[in-house]
Amino acid sequence: MALDADSSDTGQMTVVVDRHNVIISLSTHWTEAAEQAGAADSLAPEKIIGRPLSSFIRSDSTRMYIESCLQVCRLKQSVMFREYRCDSPSHKRFMELQLTPCPDGAVAMTHSLLREEAFEYSVNIEDSTPDEGKPSGVDYKYIRCSMCNSLKPLGSNSWTDPAELGDKLVKPTKVIYSVCPKCLNKLWQKRN
């Protein structure tokens, strides 16, 4: 795969990281998505390229999970993929992440929207994950899985899809991010 991140498929966004997980390329769909989200300035390519991927992942467990997956892709030299969720307040967004090994230890991370389903009630999540080395100091009610978006109430061991919580998430709800056990143990698929 070429190291430019452009993809001919509409709706796909590709981020290419080098062997040190520094972002070296973004697809043109990145800019389009940033504009649609009202973040064209803060997510402009010149503010993203050259930065470590880890600087965009605040949760330690999520960062370690993603870095491990990138390393497995490099070691196996295989195209790997798995589904995940990237919900908006109004819709469940079912996505796929494909990791493709590239020359010199780079990996292309291609994100594709598979389908969307409207929530019955809006889901308003506020990330309260503390920045590295800083105490939280913020009260949060749930831990949210970075991969499937399930929520685990504090003091509980069960993870629940946000849609199952009805209107409990209409008001802004503070969460911290992690990766649930089901997602940690989910196997990536190989693609030929």
N, C-alpha and C. Protein backbone atom coordinates (compact mmCIF):
# COMPACT_ATOMS: atom_id res chain seq x y z
N MET A 1 0.84 -1.18 0.00
CA MET A 1 0.00 0.00 0.00
C MET A 1 0.88 1.23 0.00
N ALA A 2 0.50 2.20 -0.78
CA ALA A 2 1.23 3.46 -0.83
C ALA A 2 1.06 4.18 0.50
N LEU A 3 2.00 5.04 0.83
CA LEU A 3 1.94 5.74 2.09
C LEU A 3 1.07 6.98 2.05
N ASP A 4 0.51 7.35 0.89
CA ASP A 4 -0.46 8.43 0.95
C ASP A 4 -1.75 7.80 1.45
N ALA A 5 -2.53 8.57 2.18
CA ALA A 5 -3.68 8.00 2.87
C ALA A 5 -4.96 8.10 2.07
N ASP A 6 -4.90 8.56 0.82
CA ASP A 6 -6.13 8.72 0.06
C ASP A 6 -6.74 7.37 -0.27
N SER A 7 -8.04 7.33 -0.15
CA SER A 7 -8.80 6.13 -0.46
C SER A 7 -9.85 6.52 -1.49
N SER A 8 -10.08 5.65 -2.43
CA SER A 8 -11.06 5.96 -3.47
C SER A 8 -12.48 5.76 -3.00
N ASP A 9 -12.68 5.08 -1.87
CA ASP A 9 -14.02 4.82 -1.37
C ASP A 9 -14.52 5.99 -0.54
N THR A 10 -15.65 6.53 -0.92
CA THR A 10 -16.25 7.63 -0.17
C THR A 10 -16.60 7.14 1.22
N GLY A 11 -16.36 7.98 2.20
CA GLY A 11 -16.70 7.63 3.56
C GLY A 11 -15.59 6.95 4.33
N GLN A 12 -14.53 6.56 3.66
CA GLN A 12 -13.40 5.97 4.36
C GLN A 12 -12.42 7.07 4.74
N MET A 13 -11.90 6.96 5.93
CA MET A 13 -10.85 7.86 6.38
C MET A 13 -9.64 7.02 6.74
N THR A 14 -8.49 7.43 6.25
CA THR A 14 -7.27 6.68 6.55
C THR A 14 -6.26 7.59 7.22
N VAL A 15 -5.67 7.06 8.28
CA VAL A 15 -4.58 7.70 9.00
C VAL A 15 -3.40 6.75 8.89
N VAL A 16 -2.26 7.24 8.43
CA VAL A 16 -1.06 6.40 8.34
C VAL A 16 -0.09 6.84 9.43
N VAL A 17 0.37 5.85 10.20
CA VAL A 17 1.37 6.11 11.24
C VAL A 17 2.67 5.42 10.86
N ASP A 18 3.79 6.01 11.26
CA ASP A 18 5.08 5.39 10.99
C ASP A 18 5.37 4.33 12.06
N ARG A 19 6.56 3.75 12.03
CA ARG A 19 6.90 2.67 12.96
C ARG A 19 6.90 3.12 14.42
N HIS A 20 6.95 4.43 14.65
CA HIS A 20 6.92 4.97 16.01
C HIS A 20 5.53 5.49 16.37
N ASN A 21 4.55 5.19 15.54
CA ASN A 21 3.15 5.62 15.72
C ASN A 21 2.98 7.13 15.67
N VAL A 22 3.80 7.76 14.85
CA VAL A 22 3.63 9.19 14.56
C VAL A 22 2.82 9.29 13.27
N ILE A 23 1.84 10.17 13.26
CA ILE A 23 0.97 10.33 12.10
C ILE A 23 1.75 10.97 10.96
N ILE A 24 1.77 10.29 9.80
CA ILE A 24 2.53 10.81 8.67
C ILE A 24 1.65 11.16 7.48
N SER A 25 0.37 10.74 7.51
CA SER A 25 -0.50 11.02 6.37
C SER A 25 -1.96 10.88 6.78
N LEU A 26 -2.81 11.70 6.15
CA LEU A 26 -4.26 11.65 6.36
C LEU A 26 -4.94 11.64 5.01
N SER A 27 -6.05 10.92 4.90
CA SER A 27 -6.81 10.93 3.64
C SER A 27 -7.55 12.25 3.48
N THR A 28 -7.95 12.56 2.25
CA THR A 28 -8.70 13.79 2.00
C THR A 28 -10.04 13.76 2.73
N HIS A 29 -10.57 12.56 2.97
CA HIS A 29 -11.83 12.46 3.70
C HIS A 29 -11.70 12.94 5.14
N TRP A 30 -10.48 12.97 5.66
CA TRP A 30 -10.24 13.49 7.01
C TRP A 30 -10.71 14.94 7.08
N THR A 31 -10.28 15.74 6.13
CA THR A 31 -10.63 17.16 6.11
C THR A 31 -12.14 17.34 5.98
N GLU A 32 -12.76 16.56 5.10
CA GLU A 32 -14.21 16.65 4.92
C GLU A 32 -14.94 16.33 6.22
N ALA A 33 -14.52 15.27 6.89
CA ALA A 33 -15.17 14.87 8.14
C ALA A 33 -14.97 15.93 9.22
N ALA A 34 -13.78 16.51 9.29
CA ALA A 34 -13.51 17.55 10.28
C ALA A 34 -14.39 18.77 10.03
N GLU A 35 -14.56 19.13 8.77
CA GLU A 35 -15.43 20.26 8.43
C GLU A 35 -16.87 19.98 8.83
N GLN A 36 -17.36 18.78 8.53
CA GLN A 36 -18.73 18.41 8.88
C GLN A 36 -18.95 18.42 10.39
N ALA A 37 -17.92 18.10 11.15
CA ALA A 37 -18.02 18.07 12.60
C ALA A 37 -17.78 19.44 13.23
N GLY A 38 -17.53 20.45 12.40
CA GLY A 38 -17.27 21.79 12.92
C GLY A 38 -15.90 21.91 13.56
N ALA A 39 -14.96 21.06 13.17
CA ALA A 39 -13.63 21.05 13.77
C ALA A 39 -12.54 21.22 12.72
N ALA A 40 -12.87 21.94 11.64
CA ALA A 40 -11.91 22.09 10.53
C ALA A 40 -10.60 22.72 10.99
N ASP A 41 -10.67 23.67 11.93
CA ASP A 41 -9.46 24.33 12.39
C ASP A 41 -8.66 23.44 13.34
N SER A 42 -9.31 22.92 14.37
CA SER A 42 -8.57 22.14 15.36
C SER A 42 -8.07 20.80 14.82
N LEU A 43 -8.74 20.27 13.79
CA LEU A 43 -8.31 18.99 13.20
C LEU A 43 -7.71 19.17 11.81
N ALA A 44 -7.22 20.36 11.52
CA ALA A 44 -6.57 20.60 10.23
C ALA A 44 -5.35 19.69 10.09
N PRO A 45 -5.11 19.15 8.89
CA PRO A 45 -3.99 18.22 8.71
C PRO A 45 -2.65 18.75 9.24
N GLU A 46 -2.38 20.03 9.07
CA GLU A 46 -1.10 20.55 9.55
C GLU A 46 -0.98 20.53 11.07
N LYS A 47 -2.11 20.38 11.77
CA LYS A 47 -2.08 20.28 13.23
C LYS A 47 -2.06 18.82 13.70
N ILE A 48 -2.21 17.90 12.76
CA ILE A 48 -2.28 16.48 13.10
C ILE A 48 -1.01 15.74 12.64
N ILE A 49 -0.63 15.96 11.39
CA ILE A 49 0.53 15.26 10.82
C ILE A 49 1.79 15.65 11.60
N GLY A 50 2.58 14.63 11.95
CA GLY A 50 3.80 14.86 12.71
C GLY A 50 3.63 14.66 14.21
N ARG A 51 2.40 14.47 14.65
CA ARG A 51 2.15 14.26 16.08
C ARG A 51 1.97 12.77 16.36
N PRO A 52 2.35 12.34 17.56
CA PRO A 52 2.14 10.94 17.93
C PRO A 52 0.64 10.62 18.00
N LEU A 53 0.27 9.46 17.51
CA LEU A 53 -1.12 9.02 17.62
C LEU A 53 -1.58 9.06 19.07
N SER A 54 -0.69 8.71 19.98
CA SER A 54 -1.03 8.66 21.41
C SER A 54 -1.48 10.01 21.96
N SER A 55 -1.08 11.11 21.32
CA SER A 55 -1.50 12.42 21.82
C SER A 55 -2.99 12.68 21.59
N PHE A 56 -3.64 11.80 20.83
CA PHE A 56 -5.08 11.94 20.58
C PHE A 56 -5.89 10.89 21.33
N ILE A 57 -5.22 10.08 22.16
CA ILE A 57 -5.90 9.03 22.92
C ILE A 57 -5.60 9.27 24.39
N ARG A 58 -6.59 9.77 25.13
CA ARG A 58 -6.35 10.14 26.52
C ARG A 58 -6.35 8.96 27.48
N SER A 59 -7.09 7.94 27.18
CA SER A 59 -7.20 6.78 28.07
C SER A 59 -5.97 5.88 27.93
N ASP A 60 -5.31 5.60 29.05
CA ASP A 60 -4.14 4.72 29.02
C ASP A 60 -4.48 3.35 28.46
N SER A 61 -5.59 2.76 28.91
CA SER A 61 -5.94 1.41 28.46
C SER A 61 -6.26 1.40 26.97
N THR A 62 -6.93 2.44 26.47
CA THR A 62 -7.24 2.51 25.04
C THR A 62 -5.96 2.68 24.24
N ARG A 63 -5.07 3.53 24.71
CA ARG A 63 -3.80 3.77 24.02
C ARG A 63 -2.98 2.47 23.94
N MET A 64 -2.90 1.75 25.05
CA MET A 64 -2.14 0.50 25.06
C MET A 64 -2.77 -0.53 24.13
N TYR A 65 -4.09 -0.58 24.10
CA TYR A 65 -4.79 -1.52 23.22
C TYR A 65 -4.48 -1.21 21.76
N ILE A 66 -4.62 0.04 21.36
CA ILE A 66 -4.38 0.42 19.96
C ILE A 66 -2.91 0.20 19.58
N GLU A 67 -2.00 0.59 20.45
CA GLU A 67 -0.57 0.39 20.16
C GLU A 67 -0.24 -1.10 20.02
N SER A 68 -0.85 -1.94 20.84
CA SER A 68 -0.64 -3.39 20.72
C SER A 68 -1.15 -3.92 19.39
N CYS A 69 -2.32 -3.45 18.98
CA CYS A 69 -2.90 -3.89 17.70
C CYS A 69 -2.02 -3.47 16.53
N LEU A 70 -1.50 -2.25 16.57
CA LEU A 70 -0.60 -1.79 15.51
C LEU A 70 0.65 -2.66 15.45
N GLN A 71 1.18 -3.02 16.62
CA GLN A 71 2.38 -3.84 16.66
C GLN A 71 2.11 -5.25 16.12
N VAL A 72 0.96 -5.82 16.44
CA VAL A 72 0.60 -7.14 15.91
C VAL A 72 0.52 -7.09 14.39
N CYS A 73 -0.07 -6.04 13.84
CA CYS A 73 -0.17 -5.87 12.39
C CYS A 73 1.23 -5.84 11.76
N ARG A 74 2.14 -5.11 12.39
CA ARG A 74 3.52 -5.03 11.88
C ARG A 74 4.21 -6.40 11.94
N LEU A 75 4.06 -7.08 13.05
CA LEU A 75 4.75 -8.36 13.23
C LEU A 75 4.20 -9.44 12.31
N LYS A 76 2.89 -9.49 12.15
CA LYS A 76 2.28 -10.52 11.31
C LYS A 76 2.29 -10.16 9.83
N GLN A 77 2.52 -8.87 9.52
CA GLN A 77 2.48 -8.40 8.14
C GLN A 77 1.20 -8.85 7.45
N SER A 78 0.09 -8.68 8.18
CA SER A 78 -1.23 -9.08 7.68
C SER A 78 -2.19 -7.91 7.79
N VAL A 79 -3.11 -7.85 6.83
CA VAL A 79 -4.21 -6.89 6.91
C VAL A 79 -5.20 -7.45 7.93
N MET A 80 -5.53 -6.65 8.94
CA MET A 80 -6.44 -7.07 10.01
C MET A 80 -7.59 -6.08 10.09
N PHE A 81 -8.76 -6.58 10.50
CA PHE A 81 -9.87 -5.65 10.68
C PHE A 81 -10.78 -6.12 11.81
N ARG A 82 -11.54 -5.16 12.34
CA ARG A 82 -12.55 -5.44 13.36
C ARG A 82 -13.57 -4.31 13.35
N GLU A 83 -14.75 -4.63 13.81
CA GLU A 83 -15.80 -3.62 13.91
C GLU A 83 -15.67 -2.88 15.23
N TYR A 84 -16.15 -1.65 15.24
CA TYR A 84 -16.21 -0.85 16.46
C TYR A 84 -17.35 0.14 16.30
N ARG A 85 -17.61 0.92 17.33
CA ARG A 85 -18.66 1.92 17.27
C ARG A 85 -18.06 3.30 17.48
N CYS A 86 -18.59 4.26 16.76
CA CYS A 86 -18.21 5.66 16.90
C CYS A 86 -19.50 6.47 16.84
N ASP A 87 -20.26 6.44 17.93
CA ASP A 87 -21.59 7.03 17.94
C ASP A 87 -21.56 8.55 17.96
N SER A 88 -22.59 9.13 17.38
CA SER A 88 -22.86 10.56 17.52
C SER A 88 -23.97 10.66 18.57
N PRO A 89 -24.32 11.85 19.04
CA PRO A 89 -25.41 11.95 20.00
C PRO A 89 -26.75 11.41 19.48
N SER A 90 -26.94 11.42 18.18
CA SER A 90 -28.24 11.01 17.63
C SER A 90 -28.23 9.62 17.00
N HIS A 91 -27.04 9.08 16.68
CA HIS A 91 -26.98 7.82 15.93
C HIS A 91 -25.92 6.86 16.45
N LYS A 92 -26.25 5.57 16.41
CA LYS A 92 -25.25 4.52 16.57
C LYS A 92 -24.54 4.45 15.23
N ARG A 93 -23.21 4.53 15.26
CA ARG A 93 -22.45 4.44 14.01
C ARG A 93 -21.56 3.20 14.09
N PHE A 94 -21.90 2.23 13.27
CA PHE A 94 -21.15 0.97 13.22
C PHE A 94 -20.03 1.14 12.21
N MET A 95 -18.81 0.96 12.67
CA MET A 95 -17.62 1.24 11.88
C MET A 95 -16.76 -0.02 11.77
N GLU A 96 -15.79 0.06 10.86
CA GLU A 96 -14.77 -0.97 10.74
C GLU A 96 -13.42 -0.28 10.72
N LEU A 97 -12.49 -0.83 11.47
CA LEU A 97 -11.10 -0.37 11.44
C LEU A 97 -10.28 -1.47 10.78
N GLN A 98 -9.60 -1.09 9.71
CA GLN A 98 -8.69 -2.02 9.02
C GLN A 98 -7.27 -1.52 9.20
N LEU A 99 -6.39 -2.40 9.63
CA LEU A 99 -4.96 -2.09 9.77
C LEU A 99 -4.22 -2.78 8.64
N THR A 100 -3.47 -2.00 7.87
CA THR A 100 -2.73 -2.52 6.73
C THR A 100 -1.25 -2.22 6.91
N PRO A 101 -0.39 -3.25 6.94
CA PRO A 101 1.04 -2.98 7.07
C PRO A 101 1.58 -2.32 5.80
N CYS A 102 2.46 -1.37 5.99
CA CYS A 102 3.07 -0.62 4.89
C CYS A 102 4.59 -0.74 5.02
N PRO A 103 5.33 -0.27 4.02
CA PRO A 103 6.80 -0.33 4.10
C PRO A 103 7.35 0.40 5.33
N ASP A 104 8.51 -0.04 5.77
CA ASP A 104 9.26 0.59 6.86
C ASP A 104 8.51 0.65 8.18
N GLY A 105 7.61 -0.30 8.42
CA GLY A 105 6.92 -0.38 9.71
C GLY A 105 5.72 0.54 9.85
N ALA A 106 5.37 1.25 8.79
CA ALA A 106 4.18 2.11 8.85
C ALA A 106 2.93 1.23 8.81
N VAL A 107 1.83 1.76 9.32
CA VAL A 107 0.55 1.07 9.28
C VAL A 107 -0.52 2.07 8.86
N ALA A 108 -1.34 1.67 7.88
CA ALA A 108 -2.49 2.48 7.47
C ALA A 108 -3.70 2.02 8.28
N MET A 109 -4.34 2.96 8.95
CA MET A 109 -5.53 2.69 9.75
C MET A 109 -6.72 3.26 8.98
N THR A 110 -7.52 2.39 8.36
CA THR A 110 -8.65 2.84 7.54
C THR A 110 -9.94 2.61 8.31
N HIS A 111 -10.68 3.70 8.49
CA HIS A 111 -11.96 3.68 9.21
C HIS A 111 -13.08 3.79 8.19
N SER A 112 -14.02 2.84 8.21
CA SER A 112 -15.14 2.82 7.26
C SER A 112 -16.45 2.76 8.01
N LEU A 113 -17.40 3.59 7.59
CA LEU A 113 -18.75 3.55 8.15
C LEU A 113 -19.50 2.40 7.50
N LEU A 114 -19.99 1.47 8.31
CA LEU A 114 -20.75 0.32 7.80
C LEU A 114 -22.24 0.64 7.73
N ARG A 115 -22.76 1.24 8.82
CA ARG A 115 -24.17 1.62 8.84
C ARG A 115 -24.43 2.52 10.04
N GLU A 116 -25.58 3.19 10.00
CA GLU A 116 -26.03 4.04 11.10
C GLU A 116 -27.44 3.65 11.50
N GLU A 117 -27.74 3.79 12.79
CA GLU A 117 -29.08 3.58 13.31
C GLU A 117 -29.37 4.69 14.29
N ALA A 118 -30.54 5.30 14.19
CA ALA A 118 -30.91 6.38 15.10
C ALA A 118 -31.15 5.85 16.51
N PHE A 119 -30.69 6.61 17.50
CA PHE A 119 -31.05 6.33 18.89
C PHE A 119 -32.49 6.78 19.12
N GLU A 120 -33.19 6.11 20.00
CA GLU A 120 -34.53 6.57 20.37
C GLU A 120 -34.43 7.87 21.16
N TYR A 121 -33.44 7.95 22.06
CA TYR A 121 -33.16 9.15 22.85
C TYR A 121 -31.72 9.56 22.54
N SER A 122 -31.45 10.85 22.57
CA SER A 122 -30.08 11.28 22.30
C SER A 122 -29.15 10.82 23.42
N VAL A 123 -27.90 10.64 23.06
CA VAL A 123 -26.86 10.17 23.98
C VAL A 123 -25.79 11.26 24.01
N ASN A 124 -25.71 11.96 25.13
CA ASN A 124 -24.79 13.08 25.26
C ASN A 124 -23.69 12.74 26.25
N ILE A 125 -22.55 12.42 25.72
CA ILE A 125 -21.40 11.96 26.50
C ILE A 125 -20.35 13.07 26.56
N GLU A 126 -19.81 13.28 27.77
CA GLU A 126 -18.70 14.22 27.96
C GLU A 126 -17.50 13.43 28.46
N ASP A 127 -16.39 13.52 27.74
CA ASP A 127 -15.17 12.81 28.12
C ASP A 127 -14.53 13.51 29.31
N SER A 128 -14.42 12.81 30.42
CA SER A 128 -13.77 13.33 31.62
C SER A 128 -12.47 12.60 31.91
N THR A 129 -11.98 11.83 30.93
CA THR A 129 -10.72 11.10 31.10
C THR A 129 -9.63 12.12 31.39
N PRO A 130 -8.91 11.96 32.50
CA PRO A 130 -7.87 12.95 32.82
C PRO A 130 -6.72 12.89 31.83
N ASP A 131 -6.11 14.05 31.62
CA ASP A 131 -4.90 14.08 30.80
C ASP A 131 -3.80 13.34 31.55
N GLU A 132 -2.84 12.83 30.78
CA GLU A 132 -1.76 12.03 31.36
C GLU A 132 -1.08 12.77 32.50
N GLY A 133 -0.95 12.09 33.63
CA GLY A 133 -0.25 12.64 34.78
C GLY A 133 -1.05 13.62 35.60
N LYS A 134 -2.31 13.87 35.25
CA LYS A 134 -3.14 14.80 36.01
C LYS A 134 -4.28 14.04 36.68
N PRO A 135 -4.56 14.38 37.94
CA PRO A 135 -5.68 13.71 38.60
C PRO A 135 -6.99 14.14 37.96
N SER A 136 -7.98 13.26 38.03
CA SER A 136 -9.26 13.52 37.39
C SER A 136 -9.96 14.72 38.00
N GLY A 137 -10.27 14.68 39.29
CA GLY A 137 -10.95 15.79 39.93
C GLY A 137 -12.36 16.01 39.42
N VAL A 138 -12.85 15.14 38.56
CA VAL A 138 -14.18 15.29 37.97
C VAL A 138 -15.01 14.07 38.34
N ASP A 139 -16.23 14.34 38.74
CA ASP A 139 -17.13 13.22 39.02
C ASP A 139 -17.66 12.68 37.71
N TYR A 140 -17.58 11.40 37.53
CA TYR A 140 -18.13 10.76 36.34
C TYR A 140 -18.98 9.59 36.80
N LYS A 141 -19.95 9.22 35.97
CA LYS A 141 -20.91 8.19 36.35
C LYS A 141 -20.63 6.85 35.70
N TYR A 142 -19.94 6.88 34.56
CA TYR A 142 -19.76 5.66 33.78
C TYR A 142 -18.33 5.56 33.25
N ILE A 143 -17.93 4.32 32.98
CA ILE A 143 -16.75 4.05 32.17
C ILE A 143 -17.29 3.63 30.81
N ARG A 144 -16.76 4.22 29.75
CA ARG A 144 -17.24 3.93 28.40
C ARG A 144 -16.16 3.19 27.62
N CYS A 145 -16.56 2.13 26.95
CA CYS A 145 -15.62 1.37 26.13
C CYS A 145 -15.31 2.15 24.86
N SER A 146 -14.04 2.32 24.58
CA SER A 146 -13.61 3.06 23.38
C SER A 146 -13.90 2.31 22.09
N MET A 147 -14.17 1.03 22.17
CA MET A 147 -14.39 0.24 20.96
C MET A 147 -15.87 -0.02 20.68
N CYS A 148 -16.65 -0.40 21.67
CA CYS A 148 -18.06 -0.74 21.43
C CYS A 148 -19.03 0.30 21.99
N ASN A 149 -18.52 1.29 22.71
CA ASN A 149 -19.30 2.36 23.33
C ASN A 149 -20.20 1.91 24.46
N SER A 150 -20.08 0.65 24.90
CA SER A 150 -20.85 0.21 26.05
C SER A 150 -20.45 1.02 27.27
N LEU A 151 -21.38 1.11 28.21
CA LEU A 151 -21.15 1.87 29.43
C LEU A 151 -21.23 0.95 30.64
N LYS A 152 -20.33 1.19 31.60
CA LYS A 152 -20.35 0.45 32.86
C LYS A 152 -20.51 1.46 33.98
N PRO A 153 -21.64 1.40 34.72
CA PRO A 153 -21.79 2.31 35.85
C PRO A 153 -20.70 2.06 36.88
N LEU A 154 -20.28 3.12 37.56
CA LEU A 154 -19.29 2.95 38.62
C LEU A 154 -19.82 1.97 39.65
N GLY A 155 -18.97 1.09 40.12
CA GLY A 155 -19.35 0.10 41.12
C GLY A 155 -20.03 -1.13 40.56
N SER A 156 -20.16 -1.20 39.25
CA SER A 156 -20.82 -2.33 38.61
C SER A 156 -19.79 -3.10 37.78
N ASN A 157 -20.13 -4.34 37.46
CA ASN A 157 -19.28 -5.13 36.58
C ASN A 157 -19.92 -5.37 35.23
N SER A 158 -21.13 -4.85 35.02
CA SER A 158 -21.81 -5.13 33.76
C SER A 158 -21.76 -3.92 32.83
N TRP A 159 -21.54 -4.23 31.56
CA TRP A 159 -21.45 -3.23 30.50
C TRP A 159 -22.77 -3.24 29.73
N THR A 160 -23.27 -2.04 29.40
CA THR A 160 -24.58 -1.91 28.76
C THR A 160 -24.48 -1.03 27.53
N ASP A 161 -25.17 -1.40 26.47
CA ASP A 161 -25.24 -0.55 25.28
C ASP A 161 -25.98 0.73 25.66
N PRO A 162 -25.52 1.90 25.20
CA PRO A 162 -26.17 3.15 25.56
C PRO A 162 -27.67 3.19 25.24
N ALA A 163 -28.08 2.53 24.17
CA ALA A 163 -29.50 2.54 23.78
C ALA A 163 -30.37 1.90 24.85
N GLU A 164 -29.81 0.97 25.61
CA GLU A 164 -30.57 0.28 26.65
C GLU A 164 -30.81 1.14 27.88
N LEU A 165 -30.16 2.30 27.96
CA LEU A 165 -30.32 3.18 29.12
C LEU A 165 -31.44 4.20 28.92
N GLY A 166 -32.16 4.09 27.81
CA GLY A 166 -33.31 4.97 27.57
C GLY A 166 -32.91 6.43 27.58
N ASP A 167 -33.65 7.24 28.35
CA ASP A 167 -33.40 8.68 28.36
C ASP A 167 -32.41 9.12 29.43
N LYS A 168 -31.71 8.18 30.07
CA LYS A 168 -30.76 8.52 31.13
C LYS A 168 -29.55 9.31 30.63
N LEU A 169 -29.29 9.29 29.32
CA LEU A 169 -28.10 9.95 28.78
C LEU A 169 -28.44 11.19 27.97
N VAL A 170 -29.71 11.66 28.06
CA VAL A 170 -30.11 12.85 27.31
C VAL A 170 -29.35 14.07 27.84
N LYS A 171 -29.27 14.19 29.16
CA LYS A 171 -28.47 15.27 29.75
C LYS A 171 -27.00 14.88 29.64
N PRO A 172 -26.10 15.86 29.49
CA PRO A 172 -24.68 15.53 29.39
C PRO A 172 -24.23 14.61 30.53
N THR A 173 -23.57 13.53 30.15
CA THR A 173 -23.15 12.50 31.10
C THR A 173 -21.64 12.34 31.02
N LYS A 174 -20.99 12.54 32.17
CA LYS A 174 -19.52 12.46 32.21
C LYS A 174 -19.07 11.01 32.29
N VAL A 175 -18.07 10.69 31.47
CA VAL A 175 -17.51 9.34 31.43
C VAL A 175 -15.99 9.42 31.39
N ILE A 176 -15.35 8.32 31.72
CA ILE A 176 -13.95 8.13 31.38
C ILE A 176 -13.91 6.93 30.44
N TYR A 177 -12.85 6.84 29.64
CA TYR A 177 -12.75 5.78 28.63
C TYR A 177 -11.82 4.67 29.06
N SER A 178 -12.14 3.48 28.59
CA SER A 178 -11.33 2.28 28.79
C SER A 178 -11.69 1.33 27.65
N VAL A 179 -11.31 0.08 27.77
CA VAL A 179 -11.71 -0.95 26.81
C VAL A 179 -12.32 -2.08 27.63
N CYS A 180 -13.55 -2.45 27.30
CA CYS A 180 -14.26 -3.48 28.06
C CYS A 180 -13.62 -4.86 27.83
N PRO A 181 -13.84 -5.80 28.74
CA PRO A 181 -13.24 -7.13 28.59
C PRO A 181 -13.64 -7.82 27.28
N LYS A 182 -14.88 -7.67 26.86
CA LYS A 182 -15.32 -8.31 25.62
C LYS A 182 -14.50 -7.81 24.43
N CYS A 183 -14.27 -6.50 24.36
CA CYS A 183 -13.49 -5.93 23.25
C CYS A 183 -12.01 -6.28 23.37
N LEU A 184 -11.49 -6.30 24.59
CA LEU A 184 -10.08 -6.69 24.78
C LEU A 184 -9.82 -8.10 24.25
N ASN A 185 -10.81 -8.96 24.39
CA ASN A 185 -10.64 -10.36 24.00
C ASN A 185 -11.15 -10.67 22.60
N LYS A 186 -11.71 -9.68 21.93
CA LYS A 186 -12.24 -9.91 20.58
C LYS A 186 -11.07 -10.09 19.61
N LEU A 187 -11.16 -11.12 18.79
CA LEU A 187 -10.11 -11.39 17.82
C LEU A 187 -10.28 -10.53 16.57
N TRP A 188 -9.18 -10.03 16.08
CA TRP A 188 -9.19 -9.32 14.81
C TRP A 188 -9.29 -10.35 13.69
N GLN A 189 -9.97 -9.99 12.63
CA GLN A 189 -10.09 -10.86 11.46
C GLN A 189 -8.95 -10.53 10.49
N LYS A 190 -8.54 -11.53 9.72
CA LYS A 190 -7.54 -11.29 8.67
C LYS A 190 -8.25 -11.08 7.35
N ARG A 191 -7.71 -10.20 6.55
CA ARG A 191 -8.26 -9.94 5.22
C ARG A 191 -7.15 -10.21 4.21
N ASN A 192 -7.47 -10.93 3.17
CA ASN A 192 -6.47 -11.25 2.14
C ASN A 192 -6.46 -10.19 1.06
